[in-house]
Protein backbone atom coordinates (compact mmCIF):
# COMPACT_ATOMS: atom_id res chain seq x y z
CA UNK A 1 -47.46 -64.28 111.22
CA UNK A 2 -44.32 -63.42 113.02
CA UNK A 3 -41.52 -63.79 110.21
CA UNK A 4 -38.03 -64.27 110.42
CA UNK A 5 -35.67 -61.38 111.37
CA UNK A 6 -33.55 -62.39 108.22
CA UNK A 7 -34.39 -61.58 104.67
CA UNK A 8 -35.33 -64.63 102.48
CA UNK A 9 -32.50 -65.67 100.24
CA UNK A 10 -34.04 -68.58 98.14
CA UNK A 11 -32.83 -69.16 94.67
CA UNK A 12 -34.68 -69.59 91.26
CA UNK A 13 -33.39 -73.05 91.09
CA UNK A 14 -34.96 -73.84 94.64
CA UNK A 15 -38.00 -72.35 93.51
CA UNK A 16 -38.22 -74.40 90.29
CA UNK A 17 -37.34 -77.71 92.40
CA UNK A 18 -40.13 -76.54 94.80
CA UNK A 19 -42.86 -75.96 92.44
CA UNK A 20 -42.10 -79.21 90.13
CA UNK A 21 -42.41 -81.35 93.42
CA UNK A 22 -45.82 -79.71 94.05
CA UNK A 23 -46.83 -80.34 90.82
CA UNK A 24 -45.86 -83.92 91.27
CA UNK A 25 -47.50 -83.89 94.79
CA UNK A 26 -50.76 -82.22 93.78
CA UNK A 27 -52.83 -85.09 92.06
CA UNK A 28 -52.20 -87.37 95.15
CA UNK A 29 -54.39 -85.61 97.51
CA UNK A 30 -53.18 -84.99 101.16
CA UNK A 31 -49.85 -83.31 99.74
CA UNK A 32 -49.66 -80.67 102.23
CA UNK A 33 -47.61 -82.57 104.50
CA UNK A 34 -45.40 -84.25 102.16
CA UNK A 35 -44.98 -80.78 100.46
CA UNK A 36 -43.96 -78.71 103.52
CA UNK A 37 -41.15 -81.83 104.23
CA UNK A 38 -39.87 -81.29 100.74
CA UNK A 39 -39.64 -77.57 101.07
CA UNK A 40 -37.94 -77.78 104.83
CA UNK A 41 -35.75 -80.04 103.29
CA UNK A 42 -34.85 -77.90 100.31
CA UNK A 43 -34.41 -74.35 102.31
CA UNK A 44 -33.69 -75.65 105.61
CA UNK A 45 -37.07 -73.93 107.07
CA UNK A 46 -40.29 -72.53 105.75
CA UNK A 47 -40.68 -68.76 105.31
CA UNK A 48 -43.36 -66.73 104.43
CA UNK A 49 -42.54 -66.62 100.86
CA UNK A 50 -42.36 -70.70 100.63
CA UNK A 51 -45.68 -71.38 102.45
CA UNK A 52 -47.06 -68.71 99.79
CA UNK A 53 -45.94 -70.95 96.89
CA UNK A 54 -47.15 -74.23 98.57
CA UNK A 55 -50.67 -72.46 99.13
CA UNK A 56 -50.69 -71.15 95.78
CA UNK A 57 -49.84 -74.41 93.88
CA UNK A 58 -51.81 -76.87 96.19
CA UNK A 59 -55.14 -74.25 96.26
CA UNK A 60 -55.07 -74.34 100.01
CA UNK A 61 -55.25 -71.20 102.08
CA UNK A 62 -51.87 -69.59 103.49
CA UNK A 63 -53.54 -70.25 106.65
CA UNK A 64 -54.05 -73.99 106.50
CA UNK A 65 -50.26 -73.83 105.40
CA UNK A 66 -49.37 -71.85 108.51
CA UNK A 67 -51.49 -73.68 110.83
CA UNK A 68 -49.60 -77.18 109.75
CA UNK A 69 -46.28 -75.69 109.68
CA UNK A 70 -46.89 -74.20 113.22
CA UNK A 71 -48.45 -77.43 114.78
CA UNK A 72 -45.75 -79.89 113.96
CA UNK A 73 -42.29 -79.24 115.80
CA UNK A 74 -40.53 -80.79 112.76
CA UNK A 75 -40.86 -77.43 110.89
CA UNK A 76 -39.26 -74.18 111.40
CA UNK A 77 -40.54 -70.68 110.16
CA UNK A 78 -36.78 -69.29 110.95
CA UNK A 79 -33.52 -70.34 109.21
CA UNK A 80 -30.89 -72.02 111.40
CA UNK A 81 -27.33 -70.58 112.03
CA UNK A 82 -24.28 -72.33 111.50
CA UNK A 83 -24.20 -73.09 115.17
CA UNK A 84 -27.24 -74.17 116.52
CA UNK A 85 -27.47 -73.48 120.12
CA UNK A 86 -30.02 -75.31 122.43
CA UNK A 87 -30.40 -74.28 126.18
CA UNK A 88 -32.49 -76.85 128.14
CA UNK A 89 -35.06 -75.28 130.21
CA UNK A 90 -36.41 -78.52 131.68
CA UNK A 91 -37.16 -78.75 135.46
CA UNK A 92 -33.62 -80.06 136.40
CA UNK A 93 -31.83 -77.38 133.97
CA UNK A 94 -34.26 -74.70 135.00
CA UNK A 95 -33.88 -74.98 138.79
CA UNK A 96 -29.98 -74.80 138.37
CA UNK A 97 -30.20 -71.72 136.66
CA UNK A 98 -30.79 -72.26 132.93
CA UNK A 99 -33.21 -69.36 132.72
CA UNK A 100 -30.14 -66.91 133.65
CA UNK A 101 -28.23 -68.63 130.86
CA UNK A 102 -30.89 -68.42 128.33
CA UNK A 103 -31.07 -64.66 129.07
CA UNK A 104 -27.56 -64.28 128.78
CA UNK A 105 -27.60 -66.22 125.37
CA UNK A 106 -30.27 -63.88 124.26
CA UNK A 107 -28.82 -60.51 125.51
CA UNK A 108 -25.23 -61.68 123.69
CA UNK A 109 -26.79 -62.74 120.61
CA UNK A 110 -29.61 -60.42 120.31
CA UNK A 111 -31.98 -63.02 119.42
CA UNK A 112 -34.92 -64.95 120.68
CA UNK A 113 -35.71 -68.27 120.76
CA UNK A 114 -36.11 -69.80 117.15
CA UNK A 115 -34.50 -67.03 115.72
CA UNK A 116 -30.91 -66.84 113.70
CA UNK A 117 -28.18 -63.70 113.95
CA UNK A 118 -28.08 -61.77 111.28
CA UNK A 119 -24.81 -63.26 110.00
CA UNK A 120 -26.37 -66.23 110.18
CA UNK A 121 -23.60 -67.60 112.46
CA UNK A 122 -26.13 -68.98 115.38
CA UNK A 123 -29.41 -69.81 116.17
CA UNK A 124 -30.99 -70.48 119.32
CA UNK A 125 -33.47 -72.77 120.67
CA UNK A 126 -35.07 -73.00 124.43
CA UNK A 127 -35.38 -76.84 124.63
CA UNK A 128 -36.78 -79.40 127.13
CA UNK A 129 -34.78 -82.13 128.54
CA UNK A 130 -31.94 -83.29 126.38
CA UNK A 131 -31.19 -86.34 128.90
CA UNK A 132 -28.42 -84.97 130.56
CA UNK A 133 -30.21 -83.94 134.12
CA UNK A 134 -27.03 -84.90 135.94
CA UNK A 135 -24.99 -82.03 134.17
CA UNK A 136 -27.77 -79.48 134.65
CA UNK A 137 -27.74 -76.83 133.37
CA UNK A 138 -27.00 -78.02 130.12
CA UNK A 139 -26.43 -76.21 126.76
CA UNK A 140 -25.85 -77.35 123.36
CA UNK A 141 -24.17 -76.29 120.18
CA UNK A 142 -24.30 -78.60 117.11
CA UNK A 143 -24.63 -81.63 119.31
CA UNK A 144 -21.46 -80.54 121.63
CA UNK A 145 -22.93 -80.69 125.04
CA UNK A 146 -21.86 -78.57 127.91
CA UNK A 147 -22.80 -79.34 131.34
CA UNK A 148 -22.86 -77.30 134.75
CA UNK A 149 -23.10 -74.18 132.47
CA UNK A 150 -23.07 -70.74 134.23
CA UNK A 151 -24.03 -67.40 132.78
CA UNK A 152 -20.42 -66.38 132.95
CA UNK A 153 -19.43 -69.23 130.62
CA UNK A 154 -21.69 -68.19 127.57
CA UNK A 155 -19.40 -65.60 125.96
CA UNK A 156 -16.18 -68.12 126.47
CA UNK A 157 -18.27 -71.04 124.87
CA UNK A 158 -19.47 -68.94 121.89
CA UNK A 159 -16.01 -67.80 121.45
CA UNK A 160 -14.89 -71.13 120.49
CA UNK A 161 -17.36 -71.20 117.66
CA UNK A 162 -16.62 -67.58 116.32
CA UNK A 163 -12.82 -68.42 116.53
CA UNK A 164 -13.21 -71.45 114.29
CA UNK A 165 -15.00 -69.15 111.86
CA UNK A 166 -12.11 -66.65 111.99
CA UNK A 167 -9.82 -69.50 111.51
CA UNK A 168 -11.62 -70.78 108.65
CA UNK A 169 -11.99 -67.21 106.88
CA UNK A 170 -8.50 -66.16 107.81
């Protein structure tokens, strides 16, 4: 089971809330899906440590928890950055160079799709069509859409978000 590149940072309070919810859900049967949904909302993702608690409390196998968590796209095993980057690898974007942009993002950020930078600033997701084919290739950052992007534009786009952080922290 591939884990996150970041250490788990759950709190005692989050764990208490999760265990309370699991105790409430367990008698109902079919609790795994609502348990995962609650945990995802509580933590923002489903790290190994949280999956283990769910498995233990619901008396199901860790592989059952992992299987459901990886089957449904609504769940993530990785934390998300403050700025969530999506690069469309759908057909229109890909034939217009989104593969090069994706490679540049991976290189600059030092992460793969689904991962988050160590400072939790950026996360990267390879996506499929975002409905902006006329603007291909398309990159999104927290809902901001960038069209006709070139690999050479990546660092400038990222610097806008880094500058926001420097401004907020400075």
